[in-house]
Amino acid sequence: MTNTGMNMRGKIIFYEERNFQGRHYECMSDCSDMSSYLSRCQSCRVESGCFMVYERPNYMGMQFFMRRGEYHDMQRMMSMGMTFDSIRSCRIIPYHRGQFRMKIYERENFGGQSYELMDDCDNIMDRYHMNDCQSCHVMDGHWLMYEQPNYRGRMMYLRPGEYRSFRDMGMSGMRWMSMRRIMDSCN
């Protein structure tokens, strides 16, 4: 294993019907477009690892984090208005061993106030007196950003890299108010 500690083991099975019935599609890596395998997804089982699932192809649109477990009725489970009939892509989240570091910025293109995070932040307004986070640089680890404090609402997965504008990523008009590290619960 390298210093970054990345391990890509994971398996998720999508089913067209509730309670793991009907046609299914097994996935053990990223899949940019699942529409050729399934017409819809009503349930799924994460056998190992963690995944982000997306409502549109090419990892676009609404996102939802899934860890090991059984999801018998995806539509019922969702509280954000997204139905799993519309899942069209998924991405495995690599296991990360080591420190977590991310620098958040109040404005696009790394402008405005900035703060470096090394642990979870349940409310950027309370902790840093920031009204919004519009860009960031993930130096180490994998993170989830949430539109509301206390890790609620819509979410976005961030892996190491520079994110100059969340608007350019199809997240126009969204505010990001809390951040959480994706820890070793994905084994």
C-alpha atoms as a PDB file:
ATOM      1  CA  MET A   1       0.000   0.000   0.000  1.00  0.00           C
ATOM      2  CA  THR A   2       1.276   3.481  -0.785  1.00  0.00           C
ATOM      3  CA  ASN A   3       1.568   6.366   1.622  1.00  0.00           C
ATOM      4  CA  THR A   4      -1.890   7.579   0.639  1.00  0.00           C
ATOM      5  CA  GLY A   5      -3.295   4.211   1.730  1.00  0.00           C
ATOM      6  CA  MET A   6      -5.791   3.940  -1.100  1.00  0.00           C
ATOM      7  CA  ASN A   7      -7.538   0.640  -1.551  1.00  0.00           C
ATOM      8  CA  MET A   8     -10.253   0.273  -4.165  1.00  0.00           C
ATOM      9  CA  ARG A   9     -12.049  -2.817  -2.829  1.00  0.00           C
ATOM     10  CA  GLY A  10     -15.797  -2.544  -2.792  1.00  0.00           C
ATOM     11  CA  LYS A  11     -18.922  -4.129  -4.190  1.00  0.00           C
ATOM     12  CA  ILE A  12     -22.421  -2.775  -4.675  1.00  0.00           C
ATOM     13  CA  ILE A  13     -25.363  -4.562  -6.296  1.00  0.00           C
ATOM     14  CA  PHE A  14     -28.233  -2.550  -7.776  1.00  0.00           C
ATOM     15  CA  TYR A  15     -31.678  -4.158  -8.274  1.00  0.00           C
ATOM     16  CA  GLU A  16     -34.515  -2.966 -10.485  1.00  0.00           C
ATOM     17  CA  GLU A  17     -37.190  -3.890  -7.912  1.00  0.00           C
ATOM     18  CA  ARG A  18     -37.639  -3.416  -4.163  1.00  0.00           C
ATOM     19  CA  ASN A  19     -36.382  -6.089  -1.761  1.00  0.00           C
ATOM     20  CA  PHE A  20     -33.537  -7.148  -4.068  1.00  0.00           C
ATOM     21  CA  GLN A  21     -35.791  -8.500  -6.808  1.00  0.00           C
ATOM     22  CA  GLY A  22     -35.624  -8.321 -10.598  1.00  0.00           C
ATOM     23  CA  ARG A  23     -32.632  -7.702 -12.802  1.00  0.00           C
ATOM     24  CA  HIS A  24     -29.482  -6.653 -11.033  1.00  0.00           C
ATOM     25  CA  TYR A  25     -26.126  -5.109 -11.788  1.00  0.00           C
ATOM     26  CA  GLU A  26     -22.981  -5.808  -9.737  1.00  0.00           C
ATOM     27  CA  CYS A  27     -20.393  -3.069  -9.612  1.00  0.00           C
ATOM     28  CA  MET A  28     -16.897  -3.149  -8.084  1.00  0.00           C
ATOM     29  CA  SER A  29     -15.505   0.081  -9.535  1.00  0.00           C
ATOM     30  CA  ASP A  30     -16.620   3.441 -10.866  1.00  0.00           C
ATOM     31  CA  CYS A  31     -19.429   3.313 -13.424  1.00  0.00           C
ATOM     32  CA  SER A  32     -20.072   6.508 -15.390  1.00  0.00           C
ATOM     33  CA  ASP A  33     -23.372   5.331 -16.938  1.00  0.00           C
ATOM     34  CA  MET A  34     -25.488   2.446 -15.604  1.00  0.00           C
ATOM     35  CA  SER A  35     -28.492   3.019 -17.866  1.00  0.00           C
ATOM     36  CA  SER A  36     -27.426   0.272 -20.269  1.00  0.00           C
ATOM     37  CA  TYR A  37     -27.473  -2.273 -17.390  1.00  0.00           C
ATOM     38  CA  LEU A  38     -30.703  -1.315 -15.570  1.00  0.00           C
ATOM     39  CA  SER A  39     -33.795   0.705 -16.425  1.00  0.00           C
ATOM     40  CA  ARG A  40     -34.250   1.775 -12.776  1.00  0.00           C
ATOM     41  CA  CYS A  41     -33.014   0.992  -9.275  1.00  0.00           C
ATOM     42  CA  GLN A  42     -35.462   0.280  -6.440  1.00  0.00           C
ATOM     43  CA  SER A  43     -33.056  -1.415  -3.983  1.00  0.00           C
ATOM     44  CA  CYS A  44     -29.372  -2.111  -3.525  1.00  0.00           C
ATOM     45  CA  ARG A  45     -26.921  -3.941  -1.353  1.00  0.00           C
ATOM     46  CA  VAL A  46     -23.460  -2.617  -0.497  1.00  0.00           C
ATOM     47  CA  GLU A  47     -21.461  -5.736   0.287  1.00  0.00           C
ATOM     48  CA  SER A  48     -18.170  -3.962   0.947  1.00  0.00           C
ATOM     49  CA  GLY A  49     -16.699  -0.503   0.726  1.00  0.00           C
ATOM     50  CA  CYS A  50     -18.487   2.820   0.340  1.00  0.00           C
ATOM     51  CA  PHE A  51     -19.961   4.405  -2.783  1.00  0.00           C
ATOM     52  CA  MET A  52     -21.419   7.665  -3.981  1.00  0.00           C
ATOM     53  CA  VAL A  53     -24.375   7.282  -6.313  1.00  0.00           C
ATOM     54  CA  TYR A  54     -25.488  10.011  -8.715  1.00  0.00           C
ATOM     55  CA  GLU A  55     -28.771  10.809 -10.422  1.00  0.00           C
ATOM     56  CA  ARG A  56     -27.142  11.516 -13.801  1.00  0.00           C
ATOM     57  CA  PRO A  57     -24.405   9.908 -15.902  1.00  0.00           C
ATOM     58  CA  ASN A  58     -20.787  11.005 -15.492  1.00  0.00           C
ATOM     59  CA  TYR A  59     -21.123  11.558 -11.728  1.00  0.00           C
ATOM     60  CA  MET A  60     -23.367  14.591 -12.073  1.00  0.00           C
ATOM     61  CA  GLY A  61     -26.461  15.801 -10.277  1.00  0.00           C
ATOM     62  CA  MET A  62     -27.685  14.868  -6.821  1.00  0.00           C
ATOM     63  CA  GLN A  63     -25.404  12.560  -4.866  1.00  0.00           C
ATOM     64  CA  PHE A  64     -25.970  10.110  -2.055  1.00  0.00           C
ATOM     65  CA  PHE A  65     -23.405   8.363   0.166  1.00  0.00           C
ATOM     66  CA  MET A  66     -23.847   4.615   0.682  1.00  0.00           C
ATOM     67  CA  ARG A  67     -21.923   2.428   3.106  1.00  0.00           C
ATOM     68  CA  ARG A  68     -22.068  -1.298   3.735  1.00  0.00           C
ATOM     69  CA  GLY A  69     -25.643  -2.419   4.272  1.00  0.00           C
ATOM     70  CA  GLU A  70     -28.941  -3.329   2.672  1.00  0.00           C
ATOM     71  CA  TYR A  71     -31.285  -0.745   1.183  1.00  0.00           C
ATOM     72  CA  HIS A  72     -34.605  -2.569   0.633  1.00  0.00           C
ATOM     73  CA  ASP A  73     -36.608   0.399  -0.650  1.00  0.00           C
ATOM     74  CA  MET A  74     -34.547   3.242  -2.030  1.00  0.00           C
ATOM     75  CA  GLN A  75     -37.417   5.650  -2.649  1.00  0.00           C
ATOM     76  CA  ARG A  76     -38.663   5.334   0.901  1.00  0.00           C
ATOM     77  CA  MET A  77     -35.192   5.808   2.312  1.00  0.00           C
ATOM     78  CA  MET A  78     -34.504   9.038   0.493  1.00  0.00           C
ATOM     79  CA  SER A  79     -35.421  12.256   2.237  1.00  0.00           C
ATOM     80  CA  MET A  80     -33.964  14.697  -0.281  1.00  0.00           C
ATOM     81  CA  GLY A  81     -36.475  14.342  -3.084  1.00  0.00           C
ATOM     82  CA  MET A  82     -34.190  12.147  -5.196  1.00  0.00           C
ATOM     83  CA  THR A  83     -35.510   8.750  -6.204  1.00  0.00           C
ATOM     84  CA  PHE A  84     -33.325   5.820  -7.003  1.00  0.00           C
ATOM     85  CA  ASP A  85     -35.189   5.283 -10.251  1.00  0.00           C
ATOM     86  CA  SER A  86     -32.875   7.973 -11.516  1.00  0.00           C
ATOM     87  CA  ILE A  87     -29.457   6.648 -10.422  1.00  0.00           C
ATOM     88  CA  ARG A  88     -27.259   6.643 -13.502  1.00  0.00           C
ATOM     89  CA  SER A  89     -23.687   6.488 -12.162  1.00  0.00           C
ATOM     90  CA  CYS A  90     -21.718   5.445  -9.102  1.00  0.00           C
ATOM     91  CA  ARG A  91     -18.232   5.975  -7.756  1.00  0.00           C
ATOM     92  CA  ILE A  92     -16.323   3.834  -5.285  1.00  0.00           C
ATOM     93  CA  ILE A  93     -14.749   5.761  -2.428  1.00  0.00           C
ATOM     94  CA  PRO A  94     -11.197   4.563  -1.841  1.00  0.00           C
ATOM     95  CA  TYR A  95     -10.100   3.694   1.663  1.00  0.00           C
ATOM     96  CA  HIS A  96      -7.783   6.375   3.021  1.00  0.00           C
ATOM     97  CA  ARG A  97      -5.261   5.819   5.789  1.00  0.00           C
ATOM     98  CA  GLY A  98      -3.515   8.903   7.039  1.00  0.00           C
ATOM     99  CA  GLN A  99      -4.357  12.452   7.853  1.00  0.00           C
ATOM    100  CA  PHE A 100      -7.225  14.494   6.446  1.00  0.00           C
ATOM    101  CA  ARG A 101      -6.707  18.066   5.284  1.00  0.00           C
ATOM    102  CA  MET A 102      -8.913  20.438   3.361  1.00  0.00           C
ATOM    103  CA  LYS A 103      -8.804  24.205   2.972  1.00  0.00           C
ATOM    104  CA  ILE A 104     -12.187  25.858   2.483  1.00  0.00           C
ATOM    105  CA  TYR A 105     -12.785  29.280   0.938  1.00  0.00           C
ATOM    106  CA  GLU A 106     -15.711  31.615   1.253  1.00  0.00           C
ATOM    107  CA  ARG A 107     -15.711  32.545  -2.454  1.00  0.00           C
ATOM    108  CA  GLU A 108     -15.013  30.929  -5.813  1.00  0.00           C
ATOM    109  CA  ASN A 109     -11.416  30.692  -7.089  1.00  0.00           C
ATOM    110  CA  PHE A 110     -10.059  30.454  -3.538  1.00  0.00           C
ATOM    111  CA  GLY A 111     -11.196  33.939  -2.567  1.00  0.00           C
ATOM    112  CA  GLY A 112     -12.418  35.452   0.680  1.00  0.00           C
ATOM    113  CA  GLN A 113     -11.919  33.964   4.127  1.00  0.00           C
ATOM    114  CA  SER A 114     -10.177  30.612   4.266  1.00  0.00           C
ATOM    115  CA  TYR A 115      -9.651  27.965   6.913  1.00  0.00           C
ATOM    116  CA  GLU A 116      -7.879  24.634   7.000  1.00  0.00           C
ATOM    117  CA  LEU A 117      -9.782  21.639   8.341  1.00  0.00           C
ATOM    118  CA  MET A 118      -8.268  18.448   9.644  1.00  0.00           C
ATOM    119  CA  ASP A 119     -11.395  17.084  11.271  1.00  0.00           C
ATOM    120  CA  ASP A 120     -15.166  17.233  10.819  1.00  0.00           C
ATOM    121  CA  CYS A 121     -16.920  20.600  10.983  1.00  0.00           C
ATOM    122  CA  ASP A 122     -20.607  20.503  11.863  1.00  0.00           C
ATOM    123  CA  ASN A 123     -21.222  24.209  11.176  1.00  0.00           C
ATOM    124  CA  ILE A 124     -18.836  26.604   9.386  1.00  0.00           C
ATOM    125  CA  MET A 125     -20.896  29.596  10.506  1.00  0.00           C
ATOM    126  CA  ASP A 126     -20.513  28.752  14.195  1.00  0.00           C
ATOM    127  CA  ARG A 127     -16.878  27.643  14.002  1.00  0.00           C
ATOM    128  CA  TYR A 128     -15.401  30.094  11.490  1.00  0.00           C
ATOM    129  CA  HIS A 129     -18.094  32.782  11.069  1.00  0.00           C
ATOM    130  CA  MET A 130     -18.235  31.972   7.344  1.00  0.00           C
ATOM    131  CA  ASN A 131     -21.566  32.410   5.557  1.00  0.00           C
ATOM    132  CA  ASP A 132     -20.731  30.042   2.722  1.00  0.00           C
ATOM    133  CA  CYS A 133     -18.079  27.816   1.164  1.00  0.00           C
ATOM    134  CA  GLN A 134     -17.750  28.219  -2.617  1.00  0.00           C
ATOM    135  CA  SER A 135     -14.370  26.607  -3.320  1.00  0.00           C
ATOM    136  CA  CYS A 136     -11.872  24.334  -1.609  1.00  0.00           C
ATOM    137  CA  HIS A 137      -8.620  22.449  -1.928  1.00  0.00           C
ATOM    138  CA  VAL A 138      -8.607  18.878  -0.617  1.00  0.00           C
ATOM    139  CA  MET A 139      -5.023  18.003   0.208  1.00  0.00           C
ATOM    140  CA  ASP A 140      -5.538  14.677   1.997  1.00  0.00           C
ATOM    141  CA  GLY A 141      -8.408  12.244   2.427  1.00  0.00           C
ATOM    142  CA  HIS A 142     -11.933  12.026   1.100  1.00  0.00           C
ATOM    143  CA  TRP A 143     -14.681  14.339   2.339  1.00  0.00           C
ATOM    144  CA  LEU A 144     -18.428  14.879   2.198  1.00  0.00           C
ATOM    145  CA  MET A 145     -19.818  18.414   2.159  1.00  0.00           C
ATOM    146  CA  TYR A 146     -23.407  19.096   3.226  1.00  0.00           C
ATOM    147  CA  GLU A 147     -25.669  22.008   2.395  1.00  0.00           C
ATOM    148  CA  GLN A 148     -26.929  22.333   5.969  1.00  0.00           C
ATOM    149  CA  PRO A 149     -25.244  22.350   9.372  1.00  0.00           C
ATOM    150  CA  ASN A 150     -24.909  19.068  11.279  1.00  0.00           C
ATOM    151  CA  TYR A 151     -24.299  16.979   8.138  1.00  0.00           C
ATOM    152  CA  ARG A 152     -27.805  17.305   6.725  1.00  0.00           C
ATOM    153  CA  GLY A 153     -29.338  17.995   3.361  1.00  0.00           C
ATOM    154  CA  ARG A 154     -27.845  17.419  -0.033  1.00  0.00           C
ATOM    155  CA  MET A 155     -24.245  16.308  -0.148  1.00  0.00           C
ATOM    156  CA  MET A 156     -21.207  16.362  -2.395  1.00  0.00           C
ATOM    157  CA  TYR A 157     -18.226  13.987  -2.450  1.00  0.00           C
ATOM    158  CA  LEU A 158     -14.754  15.507  -2.720  1.00  0.00           C
ATOM    159  CA  ARG A 159     -11.550  13.590  -3.330  1.00  0.00           C
ATOM    160  CA  PRO A 160      -8.057  15.146  -3.318  1.00  0.00           C
ATOM    161  CA  GLY A 161      -7.822  18.047  -5.734  1.00  0.00           C
ATOM    162  CA  GLU A 162      -8.684  21.695  -6.308  1.00  0.00           C
ATOM    163  CA  TYR A 163     -12.316  22.761  -6.597  1.00  0.00           C
ATOM    164  CA  ARG A 164     -12.322  26.355  -7.844  1.00  0.00           C
ATOM    165  CA  SER A 165     -16.078  26.639  -8.306  1.00  0.00           C
ATOM    166  CA  PHE A 166     -18.831  24.331  -7.115  1.00  0.00           C
ATOM    167  CA  ARG A 167     -21.111  26.098  -9.595  1.00  0.00           C
ATOM    168  CA  ASP A 168     -18.982  24.699 -12.443  1.00  0.00           C
ATOM    169  CA  MET A 169     -19.596  21.231 -10.994  1.00  0.00           C
ATOM    170  CA  GLY A 170     -23.355  21.592 -11.441  1.00  0.00           C
ATOM    171  CA  MET A 171     -23.938  22.724  -7.861  1.00  0.00           C
ATOM    172  CA  SER A 172     -25.193  26.203  -8.680  1.00  0.00           C
ATOM    173  CA  GLY A 173     -27.075  28.012  -5.945  1.00  0.00           C
ATOM    174  CA  MET A 174     -26.096  25.584  -3.201  1.00  0.00           C
ATOM    175  CA  ARG A 175     -24.474  26.606   0.069  1.00  0.00           C
ATOM    176  CA  TRP A 176     -22.128  24.237   1.872  1.00  0.00           C
ATOM    177  CA  MET A 177     -22.355  24.509   5.641  1.00  0.00           C
ATOM    178  CA  SER A 178     -20.765  21.351   7.116  1.00  0.00           C
ATOM    179  CA  MET A 179     -17.977  18.946   6.178  1.00  0.00           C
ATOM    180  CA  ARG A 180     -17.216  15.379   7.262  1.00  0.00           C
ATOM    181  CA  ARG A 181     -14.244  13.097   6.649  1.00  0.00           C
ATOM    182  CA  ILE A 182     -14.988   9.709   5.124  1.00  0.00           C
ATOM    183  CA  MET A 183     -13.303   7.495   7.651  1.00  0.00           C
ATOM    184  CA  ASP A 184     -12.462   3.796   7.765  1.00  0.00           C
ATOM    185  CA  SER A 185     -16.139   2.783   8.025  1.00  0.00           C
ATOM    186  CA  CYS A 186     -15.830   1.929   4.325  1.00  0.00           C
ATOM    187  CA  ASN A 187     -13.881  -1.286   4.886  1.00  0.00           C
END
